[in-house]
Amino acid sequence: MKKSVWKIFLALVFVSVAFSGCAPAPTPVPPTFTPTPSPIPPTFTPEPTSTATPLPSITPTSISTDTPATPLDPGHLSVADTKTVEFLGKKFELKFKVTDQLIPIFEYYPPNQTPSDWIELVAFQIFPVNPDGNKPIDFAKRTANAFMQQYPDMTYGILVDDNSEAVILDFFYPTSTRKEKGKDFIEFNAFKIFRDPGSDQIIWFHYAKNIEGILARSPDDFMSEFNKTRKEVLSALTKFPVFSQ
């Protein structure tokens, strides 16, 4: 096995271990989110987006907190009217959208990044009613299973809000589309899946980040960034408001 391939393999092992036994996030997260078991039975493979790539996932972990977030008024938050998104203390600008297909897509990037050259992105996708199960948890389960068809050993995390039925799904993908000479990247993905307040359709809020692997840095540096990113993102997603179409 070539040295670079071996290092990528090691990175995947480190991340899998982190997902299965990582510590709870120290930042406040609403206590109503509870884990559901995995893996999940197959039923449906979601339409890919222009940036979609399967990612290995994580085994469920509980996240403790004392301070629930207060969501914003959903009536004032429309995906179609949103030109910028504030997430993780950063500003993301709308730079790509598709509205003439079955699943509309709205993608946002930092001001200095583009759809063809990005480190982080956020996106909304609006899914039509699915007769095979139209709850947020149904979409999360089908998605996790679809990725497991490609990577049978992947692990993932699912957190369910017992009050709103919103679901958070997160996992990582070992093959990133980002290419830099002398570096490798693993793509971390996390989704908040919730029902459109004005219809029976489902909306996904998606965060993705290309995390540099261990070709050009130590495993400790990689794991430190990975764990920090995951904890911050899961905490932020629980407090991210529900949007309408």
C-alpha atoms as a PDB file:
ATOM      1  CA  MET A   1       0.000   0.000   0.000  1.00  0.00           C
ATOM      2  CA  LYS A   2       1.363   3.405  -0.949  1.00  0.00           C
ATOM      3  CA  LYS A   3       2.235   5.745   1.899  1.00  0.00           C
ATOM      4  CA  SER A   4      -0.421   8.311   0.929  1.00  0.00           C
ATOM      5  CA  VAL A   5      -3.155   5.670   0.734  1.00  0.00           C
ATOM      6  CA  TRP A   6      -2.093   4.297   4.117  1.00  0.00           C
ATOM      7  CA  LYS A   7      -2.320   7.749   5.695  1.00  0.00           C
ATOM      8  CA  ILE A   8      -5.815   8.267   4.280  1.00  0.00           C
ATOM      9  CA  PHE A   9      -6.817   4.885   5.696  1.00  0.00           C
ATOM     10  CA  LEU A  10      -5.494   5.890   9.113  1.00  0.00           C
ATOM     11  CA  ALA A  11      -7.446   9.143   8.971  1.00  0.00           C
ATOM     12  CA  LEU A  12     -10.656   7.223   8.367  1.00  0.00           C
ATOM     13  CA  VAL A  13      -9.905   4.941  11.300  1.00  0.00           C
ATOM     14  CA  PHE A  14      -9.320   7.941  13.581  1.00  0.00           C
ATOM     15  CA  VAL A  15     -12.592   9.570  12.532  1.00  0.00           C
ATOM     16  CA  SER A  16     -14.577   6.352  12.920  1.00  0.00           C
ATOM     17  CA  VAL A  17     -13.251   5.987  16.459  1.00  0.00           C
ATOM     18  CA  ALA A  18     -14.102   9.614  17.189  1.00  0.00           C
ATOM     19  CA  PHE A  19     -17.672   9.163  15.999  1.00  0.00           C
ATOM     20  CA  SER A  20     -18.216   6.036  18.027  1.00  0.00           C
ATOM     21  CA  GLY A  21     -16.770   7.307  21.286  1.00  0.00           C
ATOM     22  CA  CYS A  22     -16.409  11.063  21.173  1.00  0.00           C
ATOM     23  CA  ALA A  23     -17.234  13.151  24.215  1.00  0.00           C
ATOM     24  CA  PRO A  24     -20.401  15.265  24.394  1.00  0.00           C
ATOM     25  CA  ALA A  25     -20.222  18.816  23.127  1.00  0.00           C
ATOM     26  CA  PRO A  26     -19.418  21.300  25.877  1.00  0.00           C
ATOM     27  CA  THR A  27     -21.530  24.043  24.313  1.00  0.00           C
ATOM     28  CA  PRO A  28     -25.216  24.351  25.279  1.00  0.00           C
ATOM     29  CA  VAL A  29     -27.630  22.235  23.215  1.00  0.00           C
ATOM     30  CA  PRO A  30     -31.376  21.811  23.773  1.00  0.00           C
ATOM     31  CA  PRO A  31     -32.006  18.650  25.820  1.00  0.00           C
ATOM     32  CA  THR A  32     -34.949  17.539  23.671  1.00  0.00           C
ATOM     33  CA  PHE A  33     -32.639  16.131  21.022  1.00  0.00           C
ATOM     34  CA  THR A  34     -32.260  12.427  21.713  1.00  0.00           C
ATOM     35  CA  PRO A  35     -30.312   9.819  19.743  1.00  0.00           C
ATOM     36  CA  THR A  36     -31.952   7.098  17.694  1.00  0.00           C
ATOM     37  CA  PRO A  37     -30.331   3.772  16.916  1.00  0.00           C
ATOM     38  CA  SER A  38     -28.352   3.027  13.759  1.00  0.00           C
ATOM     39  CA  PRO A  39     -27.839   1.575  11.198  1.00  0.00           C
ATOM     40  CA  ILE A  40     -31.145   2.129   9.427  1.00  0.00           C
ATOM     41  CA  PRO A  41     -33.146   0.105   6.891  1.00  0.00           C
ATOM     42  CA  PRO A  42     -32.964   1.174   3.218  1.00  0.00           C
ATOM     43  CA  THR A  43     -35.807   2.715   1.251  1.00  0.00           C
ATOM     44  CA  PHE A  44     -34.799   5.769  -0.728  1.00  0.00           C
ATOM     45  CA  THR A  45     -31.727   7.435  -2.178  1.00  0.00           C
ATOM     46  CA  PRO A  46     -32.048  11.254  -2.238  1.00  0.00           C
ATOM     47  CA  GLU A  47     -31.324  13.260  -5.340  1.00  0.00           C
ATOM     48  CA  PRO A  48     -27.685  14.424  -5.366  1.00  0.00           C
ATOM     49  CA  THR A  49     -26.930  18.125  -5.307  1.00  0.00           C
ATOM     50  CA  SER A  50     -24.116  19.824  -7.187  1.00  0.00           C
ATOM     51  CA  THR A  51     -21.942  19.441  -4.101  1.00  0.00           C
ATOM     52  CA  ALA A  52     -23.396  16.279  -2.648  1.00  0.00           C
ATOM     53  CA  THR A  53     -21.007  13.499  -1.761  1.00  0.00           C
ATOM     54  CA  PRO A  54     -21.620  10.497   0.494  1.00  0.00           C
ATOM     55  CA  LEU A  55     -19.873  10.596   3.836  1.00  0.00           C
ATOM     56  CA  PRO A  56     -19.227   7.927   6.438  1.00  0.00           C
ATOM     57  CA  SER A  57     -21.249   8.614   9.549  1.00  0.00           C
ATOM     58  CA  ILE A  58     -21.160   8.132  13.285  1.00  0.00           C
ATOM     59  CA  THR A  59     -22.814   6.095  15.968  1.00  0.00           C
ATOM     60  CA  PRO A  60     -25.354   8.056  18.009  1.00  0.00           C
ATOM     61  CA  THR A  61     -24.084  10.038  20.958  1.00  0.00           C
ATOM     62  CA  SER A  62     -26.092  12.102  23.419  1.00  0.00           C
ATOM     63  CA  ILE A  63     -25.322  15.778  23.857  1.00  0.00           C
ATOM     64  CA  SER A  64     -25.986  17.233  27.273  1.00  0.00           C
ATOM     65  CA  THR A  65     -27.087  20.769  27.990  1.00  0.00           C
ATOM     66  CA  ASP A  66     -29.090  22.918  30.326  1.00  0.00           C
ATOM     67  CA  THR A  67     -30.047  25.876  28.141  1.00  0.00           C
ATOM     68  CA  PRO A  68     -32.512  25.337  25.272  1.00  0.00           C
ATOM     69  CA  ALA A  69     -32.320  27.769  22.382  1.00  0.00           C
ATOM     70  CA  THR A  70     -35.194  30.107  21.523  1.00  0.00           C
ATOM     71  CA  PRO A  71     -36.016  29.700  17.812  1.00  0.00           C
ATOM     72  CA  LEU A  72     -36.796  32.704  15.657  1.00  0.00           C
ATOM     73  CA  ASP A  73     -40.287  33.221  14.242  1.00  0.00           C
ATOM     74  CA  PRO A  74     -40.533  30.793  11.283  1.00  0.00           C
ATOM     75  CA  GLY A  75     -42.938  33.132   9.535  1.00  0.00           C
ATOM     76  CA  HIS A  76     -40.126  35.646   9.013  1.00  0.00           C
ATOM     77  CA  LEU A  77     -37.611  33.164   7.578  1.00  0.00           C
ATOM     78  CA  SER A  78     -38.017  32.179   3.934  1.00  0.00           C
ATOM     79  CA  VAL A  79     -35.451  30.123   1.998  1.00  0.00           C
ATOM     80  CA  ALA A  80     -36.427  31.815  -1.262  1.00  0.00           C
ATOM     81  CA  ASP A  81     -35.760  35.270   0.229  1.00  0.00           C
ATOM     82  CA  THR A  82     -32.511  34.392   1.986  1.00  0.00           C
ATOM     83  CA  LYS A  83     -29.421  35.885   0.335  1.00  0.00           C
ATOM     84  CA  THR A  84     -27.013  35.402   3.245  1.00  0.00           C
ATOM     85  CA  VAL A  85     -26.851  32.912   6.122  1.00  0.00           C
ATOM     86  CA  GLU A  86     -25.137  33.434   9.464  1.00  0.00           C
ATOM     87  CA  PHE A  87     -23.791  30.168  10.845  1.00  0.00           C
ATOM     88  CA  LEU A  88     -20.973  29.408  13.289  1.00  0.00           C
ATOM     89  CA  GLY A  89     -20.393  33.156  13.554  1.00  0.00           C
ATOM     90  CA  LYS A  90     -19.625  33.350   9.825  1.00  0.00           C
ATOM     91  CA  LYS A  91     -21.401  34.887   6.871  1.00  0.00           C
ATOM     92  CA  PHE A  92     -22.280  32.725   3.861  1.00  0.00           C
ATOM     93  CA  GLU A  93     -23.498  34.294   0.603  1.00  0.00           C
ATOM     94  CA  LEU A  94     -25.872  32.786  -1.969  1.00  0.00           C
ATOM     95  CA  LYS A  95     -23.728  31.831  -4.974  1.00  0.00           C
ATOM     96  CA  PHE A  96     -25.590  28.923  -6.552  1.00  0.00           C
ATOM     97  CA  LYS A  97     -29.222  27.908  -6.836  1.00  0.00           C
ATOM     98  CA  VAL A  98     -31.463  25.649  -8.886  1.00  0.00           C
ATOM     99  CA  THR A  99     -35.210  26.224  -8.667  1.00  0.00           C
ATOM    100  CA  ASP A 100     -36.523  24.479 -11.811  1.00  0.00           C
ATOM    101  CA  GLN A 101     -36.090  20.888 -10.660  1.00  0.00           C
ATOM    102  CA  LEU A 102     -37.891  18.505  -8.315  1.00  0.00           C
ATOM    103  CA  ILE A 103     -35.619  19.407  -5.384  1.00  0.00           C
ATOM    104  CA  PRO A 104     -34.744  23.130  -5.302  1.00  0.00           C
ATOM    105  CA  ILE A 105     -31.216  23.867  -4.080  1.00  0.00           C
ATOM    106  CA  PHE A 106     -29.783  27.062  -2.559  1.00  0.00           C
ATOM    107  CA  GLU A 107     -26.037  27.060  -1.795  1.00  0.00           C
ATOM    108  CA  TYR A 108     -24.107  29.645   0.220  1.00  0.00           C
ATOM    109  CA  TYR A 109     -20.350  30.135   0.489  1.00  0.00           C
ATOM    110  CA  PRO A 110     -17.996  32.440   2.408  1.00  0.00           C
ATOM    111  CA  PRO A 111     -17.246  35.671   0.507  1.00  0.00           C
ATOM    112  CA  ASN A 112     -13.770  34.462  -0.536  1.00  0.00           C
ATOM    113  CA  GLN A 113     -14.889  30.968  -1.661  1.00  0.00           C
ATOM    114  CA  THR A 114     -16.791  29.671  -4.698  1.00  0.00           C
ATOM    115  CA  PRO A 115     -18.810  26.580  -5.687  1.00  0.00           C
ATOM    116  CA  SER A 116     -15.733  25.221  -7.461  1.00  0.00           C
ATOM    117  CA  ASP A 117     -13.210  26.080  -4.727  1.00  0.00           C
ATOM    118  CA  TRP A 118     -14.564  25.890  -1.200  1.00  0.00           C
ATOM    119  CA  ILE A 119     -13.648  24.856   2.307  1.00  0.00           C
ATOM    120  CA  GLU A 120     -17.065  25.445   3.891  1.00  0.00           C
ATOM    121  CA  LEU A 121     -20.596  25.767   2.569  1.00  0.00           C
ATOM    122  CA  VAL A 122     -24.170  25.822   3.791  1.00  0.00           C
ATOM    123  CA  ALA A 123     -27.214  24.955   1.719  1.00  0.00           C
ATOM    124  CA  PHE A 124     -30.963  24.499   1.736  1.00  0.00           C
ATOM    125  CA  GLN A 125     -32.788  21.762  -0.146  1.00  0.00           C
ATOM    126  CA  ILE A 126     -36.574  21.468  -0.367  1.00  0.00           C
ATOM    127  CA  PHE A 127     -37.924  17.931  -0.796  1.00  0.00           C
ATOM    128  CA  PRO A 128     -41.380  16.978  -2.061  1.00  0.00           C
ATOM    129  CA  VAL A 129     -43.671  14.736  -0.031  1.00  0.00           C
ATOM    130  CA  ASN A 130     -42.349  11.167   0.027  1.00  0.00           C
ATOM    131  CA  PRO A 131     -45.036   8.455   0.241  1.00  0.00           C
ATOM    132  CA  ASP A 132     -42.542   5.985   1.763  1.00  0.00           C
ATOM    133  CA  GLY A 133     -42.296   8.114   4.913  1.00  0.00           C
ATOM    134  CA  ASN A 134     -42.440  11.870   5.092  1.00  0.00           C
ATOM    135  CA  LYS A 135     -41.204  12.625   8.591  1.00  0.00           C
ATOM    136  CA  PRO A 136     -37.751  14.219   9.032  1.00  0.00           C
ATOM    137  CA  ILE A 137     -36.523  11.000  10.678  1.00  0.00           C
ATOM    138  CA  ASP A 138     -37.583   9.030   7.582  1.00  0.00           C
ATOM    139  CA  PHE A 139     -35.402  11.217   5.369  1.00  0.00           C
ATOM    140  CA  ALA A 140     -32.485  10.939   7.778  1.00  0.00           C
ATOM    141  CA  LYS A 141     -32.722   7.152   7.903  1.00  0.00           C
ATOM    142  CA  ARG A 142     -32.947   6.779   4.136  1.00  0.00           C
ATOM    143  CA  THR A 143     -29.983   9.068   3.647  1.00  0.00           C
ATOM    144  CA  ALA A 144     -27.818   7.253   6.177  1.00  0.00           C
ATOM    145  CA  ASN A 145     -28.697   3.934   4.581  1.00  0.00           C
ATOM    146  CA  ALA A 146     -27.917   5.231   1.091  1.00  0.00           C
ATOM    147  CA  PHE A 147     -24.426   6.207   2.174  1.00  0.00           C
ATOM    148  CA  MET A 148     -23.965   2.862   3.907  1.00  0.00           C
ATOM    149  CA  GLN A 149     -24.618   1.117   0.609  1.00  0.00           C
ATOM    150  CA  GLN A 150     -21.395   2.691  -0.650  1.00  0.00           C
ATOM    151  CA  TYR A 151     -19.493   2.482   2.659  1.00  0.00           C
ATOM    152  CA  PRO A 152     -20.884  -0.471   4.685  1.00  0.00           C
ATOM    153  CA  ASP A 153     -18.631   0.249   7.658  1.00  0.00           C
ATOM    154  CA  MET A 154     -19.526   3.893   7.990  1.00  0.00           C
ATOM    155  CA  THR A 155     -20.950   5.246  11.228  1.00  0.00           C
ATOM    156  CA  TYR A 156     -23.246   8.211  11.669  1.00  0.00           C
ATOM    157  CA  GLY A 157     -25.073  10.262  14.261  1.00  0.00           C
ATOM    158  CA  ILE A 158     -28.808  11.016  14.464  1.00  0.00           C
ATOM    159  CA  LEU A 159     -30.373  13.347  17.024  1.00  0.00           C
ATOM    160  CA  VAL A 160     -34.150  13.841  17.159  1.00  0.00           C
ATOM    161  CA  ASP A 161     -35.978  16.822  18.645  1.00  0.00           C
ATOM    162  CA  ASP A 162     -38.857  15.250  20.585  1.00  0.00           C
ATOM    163  CA  ASN A 163     -40.913  18.446  20.396  1.00  0.00           C
ATOM    164  CA  SER A 164     -40.647  19.471  16.734  1.00  0.00           C
ATOM    165  CA  GLU A 165     -39.578  16.184  15.049  1.00  0.00           C
ATOM    166  CA  ALA A 166     -36.582  18.022  13.582  1.00  0.00           C
ATOM    167  CA  VAL A 167     -33.615  15.716  13.063  1.00  0.00           C
ATOM    168  CA  ILE A 168     -29.861  16.287  12.958  1.00  0.00           C
ATOM    169  CA  LEU A 169     -27.818  13.841  10.908  1.00  0.00           C
ATOM    170  CA  ASP A 170     -24.024  13.985  10.641  1.00  0.00           C
ATOM    171  CA  PHE A 171     -21.293  11.862   9.127  1.00  0.00           C
ATOM    172  CA  PHE A 172     -18.062  12.211   7.136  1.00  0.00           C
ATOM    173  CA  TYR A 173     -17.098  11.290   3.576  1.00  0.00           C
ATOM    174  CA  PRO A 174     -13.556  10.013   2.950  1.00  0.00           C
ATOM    175  CA  THR A 175     -13.347  11.234  -0.650  1.00  0.00           C
ATOM    176  CA  SER A 176     -13.506  15.003  -0.902  1.00  0.00           C
ATOM    177  CA  THR A 177     -13.835  16.848  -4.194  1.00  0.00           C
ATOM    178  CA  ARG A 178     -11.269  19.390  -2.979  1.00  0.00           C
ATOM    179  CA  LYS A 179      -7.789  18.877  -4.402  1.00  0.00           C
ATOM    180  CA  GLU A 180      -4.575  20.561  -3.280  1.00  0.00           C
ATOM    181  CA  LYS A 181      -1.101  19.324  -4.093  1.00  0.00           C
ATOM    182  CA  GLY A 182       0.436  17.486  -1.141  1.00  0.00           C
ATOM    183  CA  LYS A 183      -2.805  17.518   0.880  1.00  0.00           C
ATOM    184  CA  ASP A 184      -5.795  15.267   1.373  1.00  0.00           C
ATOM    185  CA  PHE A 185      -9.248  16.203   2.626  1.00  0.00           C
ATOM    186  CA  ILE A 186     -12.115  14.493   4.403  1.00  0.00           C
ATOM    187  CA  GLU A 187     -15.547  16.076   4.001  1.00  0.00           C
ATOM    188  CA  PHE A 188     -17.607  16.477   7.160  1.00  0.00           C
ATOM    189  CA  ASN A 189     -21.336  16.909   6.578  1.00  0.00           C
ATOM    190  CA  ALA A 190     -24.189  17.721   8.931  1.00  0.00           C
ATOM    191  CA  PHE A 191     -27.879  18.272   8.225  1.00  0.00           C
ATOM    192  CA  LYS A 192     -30.819  19.717  10.105  1.00  0.00           C
ATOM    193  CA  ILE A 193     -33.962  18.183   8.596  1.00  0.00           C
ATOM    194  CA  PHE A 194     -37.348  19.689   9.428  1.00  0.00           C
ATOM    195  CA  ARG A 195     -40.865  20.101   8.081  1.00  0.00           C
ATOM    196  CA  ASP A 196     -41.715  23.249   6.151  1.00  0.00           C
ATOM    197  CA  PRO A 197     -44.021  25.190   8.525  1.00  0.00           C
ATOM    198  CA  GLY A 198     -46.290  26.095   5.595  1.00  0.00           C
ATOM    199  CA  SER A 199     -46.628  22.704   3.900  1.00  0.00           C
ATOM    200  CA  ASP A 200     -45.967  18.971   4.148  1.00  0.00           C
ATOM    201  CA  GLN A 201     -42.636  19.297   2.366  1.00  0.00           C
ATOM    202  CA  ILE A 202     -39.306  18.709   4.080  1.00  0.00           C
ATOM    203  CA  ILE A 203     -36.450  21.243   4.211  1.00  0.00           C
ATOM    204  CA  TRP A 204     -32.812  20.360   4.799  1.00  0.00           C
ATOM    205  CA  PHE A 205     -30.225  22.781   6.107  1.00  0.00           C
ATOM    206  CA  HIS A 206     -26.802  21.403   5.201  1.00  0.00           C
ATOM    207  CA  TYR A 207     -23.331  22.322   6.478  1.00  0.00           C
ATOM    208  CA  ALA A 208     -20.190  20.869   4.888  1.00  0.00           C
ATOM    209  CA  LYS A 209     -16.505  21.402   5.568  1.00  0.00           C
ATOM    210  CA  ASN A 210     -13.377  20.026   3.913  1.00  0.00           C
ATOM    211  CA  ILE A 211     -11.045  19.082   6.760  1.00  0.00           C
ATOM    212  CA  GLU A 212      -7.405  18.534   5.863  1.00  0.00           C
ATOM    213  CA  GLY A 213      -6.322  14.935   6.472  1.00  0.00           C
ATOM    214  CA  ILE A 214      -2.998  13.571   7.680  1.00  0.00           C
ATOM    215  CA  LEU A 215      -0.855  13.608   4.551  1.00  0.00           C
ATOM    216  CA  ALA A 216       0.720  16.903   5.571  1.00  0.00           C
ATOM    217  CA  ARG A 217       0.021  17.114   9.327  1.00  0.00           C
ATOM    218  CA  SER A 218      -0.076  14.951  12.395  1.00  0.00           C
ATOM    219  CA  PRO A 219      -3.016  12.719  13.346  1.00  0.00           C
ATOM    220  CA  ASP A 220      -3.372  14.708  16.573  1.00  0.00           C
ATOM    221  CA  ASP A 221      -3.812  17.972  14.658  1.00  0.00           C
ATOM    222  CA  PHE A 222      -6.364  16.341  12.385  1.00  0.00           C
ATOM    223  CA  MET A 223      -8.384  14.863  15.244  1.00  0.00           C
ATOM    224  CA  SER A 224      -8.296  18.123  17.183  1.00  0.00           C
ATOM    225  CA  GLU A 225      -9.845  20.026  14.262  1.00  0.00           C
ATOM    226  CA  PHE A 226     -12.308  17.258  13.490  1.00  0.00           C
ATOM    227  CA  ASN A 227     -13.637  16.979  17.048  1.00  0.00           C
ATOM    228  CA  LYS A 228     -13.800  20.746  17.483  1.00  0.00           C
ATOM    229  CA  THR A 229     -15.712  21.144  14.214  1.00  0.00           C
ATOM    230  CA  ARG A 230     -18.193  18.425  15.007  1.00  0.00           C
ATOM    231  CA  LYS A 231     -19.002  19.702  18.496  1.00  0.00           C
ATOM    232  CA  GLU A 232     -19.453  23.276  17.290  1.00  0.00           C
ATOM    233  CA  VAL A 233     -21.625  22.279  14.345  1.00  0.00           C
ATOM    234  CA  LEU A 234     -23.944  19.986  16.305  1.00  0.00           C
ATOM    235  CA  SER A 235     -24.443  22.662  18.915  1.00  0.00           C
ATOM    236  CA  ALA A 236     -25.124  25.335  16.278  1.00  0.00           C
ATOM    237  CA  LEU A 237     -27.583  23.133  14.390  1.00  0.00           C
ATOM    238  CA  THR A 238     -29.778  22.580  17.430  1.00  0.00           C
ATOM    239  CA  LYS A 239     -30.186  26.349  17.706  1.00  0.00           C
ATOM    240  CA  PHE A 240     -30.516  27.040  13.971  1.00  0.00           C
ATOM    241  CA  PRO A 241     -34.057  28.332  13.261  1.00  0.00           C
ATOM    242  CA  VAL A 242     -36.648  26.592  11.145  1.00  0.00           C
ATOM    243  CA  PHE A 243     -37.177  28.162   7.698  1.00  0.00           C
ATOM    244  CA  SER A 244     -40.166  28.020   5.377  1.00  0.00           C
ATOM    245  CA  GLN A 245     -40.051  27.837   1.588  1.00  0.00           C
END
